[in-house]
């Protein structure tokens, strides 16, 4: 008997692959109506203004990374590792990026030409947001329709408290936490800052479940760690527009740690791959801020990348998704988001029904 032929599509934001790509990457990002929520006739002009203003600092950041983002190579490595973790299927993992190559339209054609029996869409965003998973899935559906790709599709919308994801994350946090303690004087205080990418408050108040799911992830990881008296905080980084964003901000929490005379361990709780927000913002900018603020010591937990526990969790989600699909599947322990989170895709589907 032949194995089922499964195409797994990994979604991520993407990143510029050379210095010349930085400006068009930023323009693609801020032209997305899921990101820049202004009237359609204003968006093109405003996107160009914001992108132009951010080109110089972004170019300086990517220069520290060799002039490009490492995200595509890291995502491709995750794809190859996930293929190996699913030997019971004839699995091929594809990569679709939202704001730079390979775009969904290109990946759709590759999937169509491979001719799978079924497709599993797996966003590399553990917590659902309309700005990330929602935007990527919408983009994919449009590209698939245009290319005539018609196969059974299972969409894994979120896995913020999936047991395997939580166990893998907690294991990485524990390892870095113990390594940090080993470098500190006996009795020194260590605060864990769970840092996630921020969003404008208006998006959260409009019903986006992202902040709720980030909080659920942190609660589950802390419970798994079971460290008595763990000093921790949730904070948000990467503010990109003049609007009010959700907080507290990561930089404010780093400064507070300096005031409190504690060391910090920063955990990128919503990023599963290293990229500019971790390698530059966390490792360079906030490290320098910590030094200036008098933070006793600064440590960071690495992103999951191709961590075996994380890849194993993704493989389990693909298996479970196939059993529950086709359709929209939440790989979570808590199920549908509570009332009020109207942008939860399951709540939207229920409303539409």
Protein backbone atom coordinates (compact mmCIF):
# COMPACT_ATOMS: atom_id res chain seq x y z
CA UNK A 1 0.00 0.00 0.00
CA UNK A 2 1.40 3.42 -0.95
CA UNK A 3 1.86 6.10 1.68
CA UNK A 4 -0.44 9.14 1.70
CA UNK A 5 1.21 11.97 -0.23
CA UNK A 6 1.12 14.98 2.10
CA UNK A 7 2.20 18.53 1.30
CA UNK A 8 2.90 20.57 4.44
CA UNK A 9 3.18 24.32 3.89
CA UNK A 10 5.12 26.31 6.48
CA UNK A 11 4.18 29.99 6.68
CA UNK A 12 6.31 32.81 8.00
CA UNK A 13 6.75 36.55 7.42
CA UNK A 14 9.88 36.32 5.30
CA UNK A 15 12.75 38.76 5.20
CA UNK A 16 14.99 40.56 2.71
CA UNK A 17 17.58 38.36 1.03
CA UNK A 18 19.91 41.24 0.11
CA UNK A 19 20.21 44.94 1.01
CA UNK A 20 18.32 46.02 -2.13
CA UNK A 21 15.32 43.96 -0.98
CA UNK A 22 14.86 45.82 2.32
CA UNK A 23 12.73 48.67 0.97
CA UNK A 24 10.37 46.49 -1.13
CA UNK A 25 10.06 44.05 1.77
CA UNK A 26 8.98 46.89 4.07
CA UNK A 27 6.61 48.22 1.42
CA UNK A 28 4.99 44.78 1.09
CA UNK A 29 4.65 44.58 4.87
CA UNK A 30 2.96 47.93 5.34
CA UNK A 31 0.79 47.54 2.23
CA UNK A 32 -0.97 44.57 3.84
CA UNK A 33 -4.47 45.65 4.95
CA UNK A 34 -4.15 43.25 7.90
CA UNK A 35 -1.15 45.27 9.12
CA UNK A 36 -1.94 48.86 8.18
CA UNK A 37 -5.64 49.28 8.98
CA UNK A 38 -6.51 52.51 7.27
CA UNK A 39 -8.87 53.28 4.36
CA UNK A 40 -7.71 51.54 1.18
CA UNK A 41 -7.19 54.81 -0.69
CA UNK A 42 -4.81 56.06 2.03
CA UNK A 43 -2.82 52.84 2.51
CA UNK A 44 -0.49 53.00 -0.55
CA UNK A 45 0.75 56.48 0.30
CA UNK A 46 1.05 55.80 4.03
CA UNK A 47 2.82 52.49 3.38
CA UNK A 48 5.42 54.27 1.27
CA UNK A 49 5.94 56.92 3.96
CA UNK A 50 6.40 54.34 6.74
CA UNK A 51 8.62 52.10 4.62
CA UNK A 52 10.81 55.03 3.59
CA UNK A 53 11.21 56.09 7.23
CA UNK A 54 12.22 52.58 8.28
CA UNK A 55 14.66 51.77 5.51
CA UNK A 56 17.71 53.32 7.20
CA UNK A 57 17.33 51.67 10.63
CA UNK A 58 16.34 48.38 9.00
CA UNK A 59 19.39 48.51 6.73
CA UNK A 60 21.62 49.10 9.75
CA UNK A 61 20.03 46.15 11.53
CA UNK A 62 20.37 43.77 8.59
CA UNK A 63 23.98 44.90 8.11
CA UNK A 64 24.68 43.24 11.45
CA UNK A 65 23.29 40.02 9.95
CA UNK A 66 25.36 40.17 6.78
CA UNK A 67 22.88 42.29 4.83
CA UNK A 68 20.01 39.78 4.82
CA UNK A 69 17.56 37.92 7.01
CA UNK A 70 18.39 34.33 8.02
CA UNK A 71 14.69 33.45 8.21
CA UNK A 72 14.33 31.64 4.88
CA UNK A 73 17.29 29.33 5.46
CA UNK A 74 16.12 28.55 9.00
CA UNK A 75 12.57 27.85 7.80
CA UNK A 76 13.87 25.57 5.05
CA UNK A 77 15.87 23.68 7.68
CA UNK A 78 12.69 23.30 9.74
CA UNK A 79 10.94 21.98 6.63
CA UNK A 80 13.58 19.32 6.02
CA UNK A 81 13.55 18.29 9.70
CA UNK A 82 9.76 18.02 9.67
CA UNK A 83 9.84 15.80 6.59
CA UNK A 84 12.14 13.40 8.45
CA UNK A 85 9.81 13.44 11.47
CA UNK A 86 6.86 12.19 9.37
CA UNK A 87 8.19 8.93 7.85
CA UNK A 88 4.75 7.30 7.76
CA UNK A 89 3.73 9.65 4.95
CA UNK A 90 5.26 10.64 1.67
CA UNK A 91 5.82 14.11 3.04
CA UNK A 92 7.17 17.17 1.33
CA UNK A 93 7.34 20.44 3.20
CA UNK A 94 7.09 23.73 1.32
CA UNK A 95 7.79 27.27 2.50
CA UNK A 96 5.55 30.27 1.79
CA UNK A 97 6.58 33.70 3.01
CA UNK A 98 4.19 36.61 3.33
CA UNK A 99 6.30 39.67 2.45
CA UNK A 100 9.28 38.36 0.50
CA UNK A 101 10.24 35.39 -1.64
CA UNK A 102 9.07 32.69 -1.87
CA UNK A 103 5.59 34.22 -1.98
CA UNK A 104 2.45 32.10 -1.71
CA UNK A 105 1.79 32.29 -5.47
CA UNK A 106 5.13 30.61 -6.21
CA UNK A 107 4.68 27.99 -3.52
CA UNK A 108 1.13 27.19 -4.65
CA UNK A 109 2.47 26.34 -8.11
CA UNK A 110 5.15 24.09 -6.59
CA UNK A 111 2.55 22.26 -4.50
CA UNK A 112 0.22 21.91 -7.48
CA UNK A 113 3.01 20.47 -9.63
CA UNK A 114 3.95 17.98 -6.90
CA UNK A 115 0.29 16.85 -6.89
CA UNK A 116 -0.24 15.78 -3.24
CA UNK A 117 -3.23 13.83 -1.97
CA UNK A 118 -3.83 16.47 0.67
CA UNK A 119 -2.36 19.68 2.05
CA UNK A 120 -1.65 20.77 5.64
CA UNK A 121 -1.13 24.49 6.20
CA UNK A 122 1.12 25.07 9.21
CA UNK A 123 1.82 28.71 10.17
CA UNK A 124 4.99 29.19 12.19
CA UNK A 125 3.12 31.57 14.47
CA UNK A 126 2.12 29.67 17.64
CA UNK A 127 -0.40 32.34 18.65
CA UNK A 128 -3.10 33.29 16.17
CA UNK A 129 -3.40 36.88 14.97
CA UNK A 130 -5.24 38.36 12.04
CA UNK A 131 -1.96 40.14 11.24
CA UNK A 132 0.09 36.96 10.88
CA UNK A 133 -1.72 33.62 10.53
CA UNK A 134 -4.91 35.27 9.31
CA UNK A 135 -3.09 37.28 6.66
CA UNK A 136 -1.01 34.30 5.51
CA UNK A 137 -4.01 32.00 5.18
CA UNK A 138 -5.99 34.62 3.27
CA UNK A 139 -3.05 35.15 0.92
CA UNK A 140 -2.69 31.39 0.38
CA UNK A 141 -6.37 30.86 -0.40
CA UNK A 142 -6.33 33.62 -3.01
CA UNK A 143 -3.19 32.21 -4.63
CA UNK A 144 -4.56 28.64 -4.58
CA UNK A 145 -7.81 29.75 -6.23
CA UNK A 146 -5.92 31.66 -8.93
CA UNK A 147 -3.71 28.63 -9.67
CA UNK A 148 -6.57 26.13 -9.64
CA UNK A 149 -5.12 24.16 -6.74
CA UNK A 150 -8.01 22.05 -5.42
CA UNK A 151 -7.01 19.47 -2.83
CA UNK A 152 -8.29 18.62 0.67
CA UNK A 153 -6.77 21.25 2.96
CA UNK A 154 -6.29 21.24 6.73
CA UNK A 155 -5.34 24.60 8.25
CA UNK A 156 -3.70 24.56 11.68
CA UNK A 157 -4.61 28.01 12.96
CA UNK A 158 -2.83 28.05 16.33
CA UNK A 159 -1.02 25.94 18.90
CA UNK A 160 -0.31 28.39 21.70
CA UNK A 161 -0.83 25.83 24.49
CA UNK A 162 -0.28 22.58 22.58
CA UNK A 163 1.36 20.16 25.07
CA UNK A 164 4.26 19.31 22.77
CA UNK A 165 4.97 22.94 21.94
CA UNK A 166 4.80 23.89 25.62
CA UNK A 167 7.08 21.02 26.66
CA UNK A 168 9.66 21.93 24.01
CA UNK A 169 9.55 25.61 24.92
CA UNK A 170 9.77 24.94 28.65
CA UNK A 171 12.77 22.65 28.11
CA UNK A 172 14.65 25.41 26.26
CA UNK A 173 13.72 27.98 28.90
CA UNK A 174 14.80 25.67 31.73
CA UNK A 175 18.17 25.01 30.09
CA UNK A 176 18.91 28.70 29.61
CA UNK A 177 17.52 29.56 33.06
CA UNK A 178 19.84 27.06 34.76
CA UNK A 179 22.79 28.19 32.64
CA UNK A 180 22.10 31.81 33.63
CA UNK A 181 21.90 30.94 37.32
CA UNK A 182 25.21 29.12 37.05
CA UNK A 183 26.86 32.34 35.86
CA UNK A 184 25.35 34.51 38.58
CA UNK A 185 26.57 34.88 42.17
CA UNK A 186 24.79 32.67 44.68
CA UNK A 187 21.55 34.29 45.76
CA UNK A 188 21.37 36.68 42.79
CA UNK A 189 17.89 37.38 41.46
CA UNK A 190 16.96 36.41 37.91
CA UNK A 191 13.83 37.71 36.19
CA UNK A 192 12.39 35.99 33.11
CA UNK A 193 10.98 38.38 30.50
CA UNK A 194 8.69 36.60 28.05
CA UNK A 195 8.91 38.91 25.05
CA UNK A 196 6.46 38.77 22.15
CA UNK A 197 6.01 40.94 19.09
CA UNK A 198 3.59 43.75 19.89
CA UNK A 199 0.42 44.89 18.15
CA UNK A 200 -1.52 48.14 18.16
CA UNK A 201 -4.09 48.26 20.96
CA UNK A 202 -6.87 48.89 18.47
CA UNK A 203 -6.34 45.48 16.86
CA UNK A 204 -6.56 43.70 20.23
CA UNK A 205 -9.58 45.73 21.30
CA UNK A 206 -11.20 44.81 17.99
CA UNK A 207 -11.19 41.15 18.99
CA UNK A 208 -7.82 39.77 17.89
CA UNK A 209 -6.94 36.85 20.24
CA UNK A 210 -3.16 37.26 20.00
CA UNK A 211 -2.49 38.83 23.40
CA UNK A 212 -4.79 36.33 25.14
CA UNK A 213 -2.98 33.44 23.47
CA UNK A 214 0.45 34.85 24.36
CA UNK A 215 -0.67 34.98 27.99
CA UNK A 216 -1.93 31.40 27.75
CA UNK A 217 1.43 30.27 26.33
CA UNK A 218 3.34 31.92 29.16
CA UNK A 219 1.01 30.48 31.81
CA UNK A 220 1.46 26.98 30.40
CA UNK A 221 5.26 27.30 30.17
CA UNK A 222 5.48 28.65 33.73
CA UNK A 223 3.34 25.76 34.97
CA UNK A 224 5.57 23.29 33.15
CA UNK A 225 8.71 24.86 34.64
CA UNK A 226 7.29 24.59 38.17
CA UNK A 227 10.00 26.87 39.58
CA UNK A 228 9.01 28.14 43.02
CA UNK A 229 8.77 31.91 43.19
CA UNK A 230 9.69 32.41 39.54
CA UNK A 231 10.11 36.14 38.89
CA UNK A 232 8.63 36.75 35.45
CA UNK A 233 6.82 39.26 33.25
CA UNK A 234 5.21 39.36 29.83
CA UNK A 235 6.28 42.20 27.55
CA UNK A 236 6.05 43.26 23.93
CA UNK A 237 8.65 44.49 21.45
CA UNK A 238 9.03 45.85 17.90
CA UNK A 239 6.63 48.80 17.94
CA UNK A 240 6.41 49.93 14.31
CA UNK A 241 3.82 52.73 14.08
CA UNK A 242 2.95 55.85 16.11
CA UNK A 243 -0.22 54.24 17.51
CA UNK A 244 -0.61 53.06 21.10
CA UNK A 245 0.65 49.47 21.25
CA UNK A 246 0.00 46.78 23.83
CA UNK A 247 2.37 46.73 26.77
CA UNK A 248 4.36 46.76 28.83
CA UNK A 249 7.15 47.20 26.33
CA UNK A 250 10.24 45.00 26.53
CA UNK A 251 12.55 47.99 26.76
CA UNK A 252 10.56 49.34 29.71
CA UNK A 253 10.82 45.97 31.46
CA UNK A 254 14.57 45.85 30.85
CA UNK A 255 14.92 49.30 32.40
CA UNK A 256 12.74 48.21 35.34
CA UNK A 257 15.04 45.24 35.90
CA UNK A 258 17.95 47.68 36.14
CA UNK A 259 16.02 49.70 38.70
CA UNK A 260 15.27 46.50 40.65
CA UNK A 261 18.90 45.32 40.43
CA UNK A 262 18.02 41.94 38.95
CA UNK A 263 19.47 39.95 36.06
CA UNK A 264 17.18 39.15 33.15
CA UNK A 265 16.59 36.16 30.91
CA UNK A 266 14.67 37.20 27.79
CA UNK A 267 12.53 34.50 26.19
CA UNK A 268 11.20 35.14 22.64
CA UNK A 269 7.85 33.48 23.37
CA UNK A 270 6.11 34.20 20.04
CA UNK A 271 9.07 33.66 17.66
CA UNK A 272 10.07 30.13 16.64
CA UNK A 273 12.96 31.16 14.38
CA UNK A 274 15.85 33.57 14.79
CA UNK A 275 15.56 36.77 12.76
CA UNK A 276 16.19 40.49 13.14
CA UNK A 277 13.83 40.90 16.11
CA UNK A 278 15.80 38.32 18.09
CA UNK A 279 19.34 38.61 16.71
CA UNK A 280 19.41 42.42 16.63
CA UNK A 281 16.60 43.83 18.75
CA UNK A 282 17.02 41.38 21.64
CA UNK A 283 20.69 40.46 21.35
CA UNK A 284 22.13 43.87 20.47
CA UNK A 285 19.74 46.73 21.22
CA UNK A 286 18.20 45.46 24.45
CA UNK A 287 21.53 44.08 25.65
CA UNK A 288 23.00 47.57 25.27
CA UNK A 289 19.98 49.05 27.01
CA UNK A 290 20.40 46.55 29.86
CA UNK A 291 24.01 47.58 30.30
CA UNK A 292 23.08 51.27 30.39
CA UNK A 293 20.21 50.58 32.81
CA UNK A 294 22.46 48.75 35.25
CA UNK A 295 20.93 45.30 34.75
CA UNK A 296 23.05 42.81 36.69
CA UNK A 297 23.39 40.42 33.73
CA UNK A 298 21.55 39.80 30.47
CA UNK A 299 20.73 36.37 29.01
CA UNK A 300 18.47 35.08 26.24
CA UNK A 301 16.76 31.79 25.45
CA UNK A 302 17.29 30.89 21.78
CA UNK A 303 14.38 30.53 19.38
CA UNK A 304 13.28 26.98 18.62
CA UNK A 305 14.61 26.80 15.04
CA UNK A 306 15.03 23.05 14.39
CA UNK A 307 15.00 21.97 18.04
CA UNK A 308 14.01 18.27 18.02
CA UNK A 309 11.30 18.77 20.63
CA UNK A 310 9.73 21.59 18.63
CA UNK A 311 9.91 19.68 15.34
CA UNK A 312 8.40 16.64 17.07
CA UNK A 313 5.54 18.81 18.30
CA UNK A 314 4.92 20.11 14.77
CA UNK A 315 4.87 16.53 13.47
CA UNK A 316 2.30 15.56 16.11
CA UNK A 317 0.16 18.52 15.05
CA UNK A 318 0.29 17.45 11.40
CA UNK A 319 -0.86 13.96 12.38
CA UNK A 320 -3.65 15.26 14.61
CA UNK A 321 -4.70 17.83 12.04
CA UNK A 322 -5.08 15.16 9.37
CA UNK A 323 -7.30 13.15 11.70
CA UNK A 324 -9.48 16.16 12.50
CA UNK A 325 -9.44 17.76 9.05
CA UNK A 326 -9.93 18.84 6.40
CA UNK A 327 -10.88 22.32 7.48
CA UNK A 328 -9.75 24.67 10.23
CA UNK A 329 -8.08 22.98 13.21
CA UNK A 330 -6.84 24.53 16.45
CA UNK A 331 -4.01 22.48 17.91
CA UNK A 332 -4.67 23.74 21.43
CA UNK A 333 -5.57 22.35 24.82
CA UNK A 334 -8.01 25.19 25.53
CA UNK A 335 -9.98 25.13 22.28
CA UNK A 336 -11.91 28.14 21.01
CA UNK A 337 -10.93 31.52 22.47
CA UNK A 338 -13.32 32.99 25.06
CA UNK A 339 -16.15 35.31 24.11
CA UNK A 340 -15.00 38.76 23.10
CA UNK A 341 -12.16 37.48 20.89
CA UNK A 342 -14.32 37.82 17.82
CA UNK A 343 -11.38 37.50 15.43
CA UNK A 344 -10.69 33.95 16.61
CA UNK A 345 -11.15 32.09 13.30
CA UNK A 346 -13.34 29.45 14.94
CA UNK A 347 -15.62 32.12 16.37
CA UNK A 348 -15.73 33.78 12.95
CA UNK A 349 -16.61 30.46 11.34
CA UNK A 350 -19.34 29.88 13.92
CA UNK A 351 -20.74 33.35 13.31
CA UNK A 352 -20.67 32.79 9.57
CA UNK A 353 -22.48 29.48 10.00
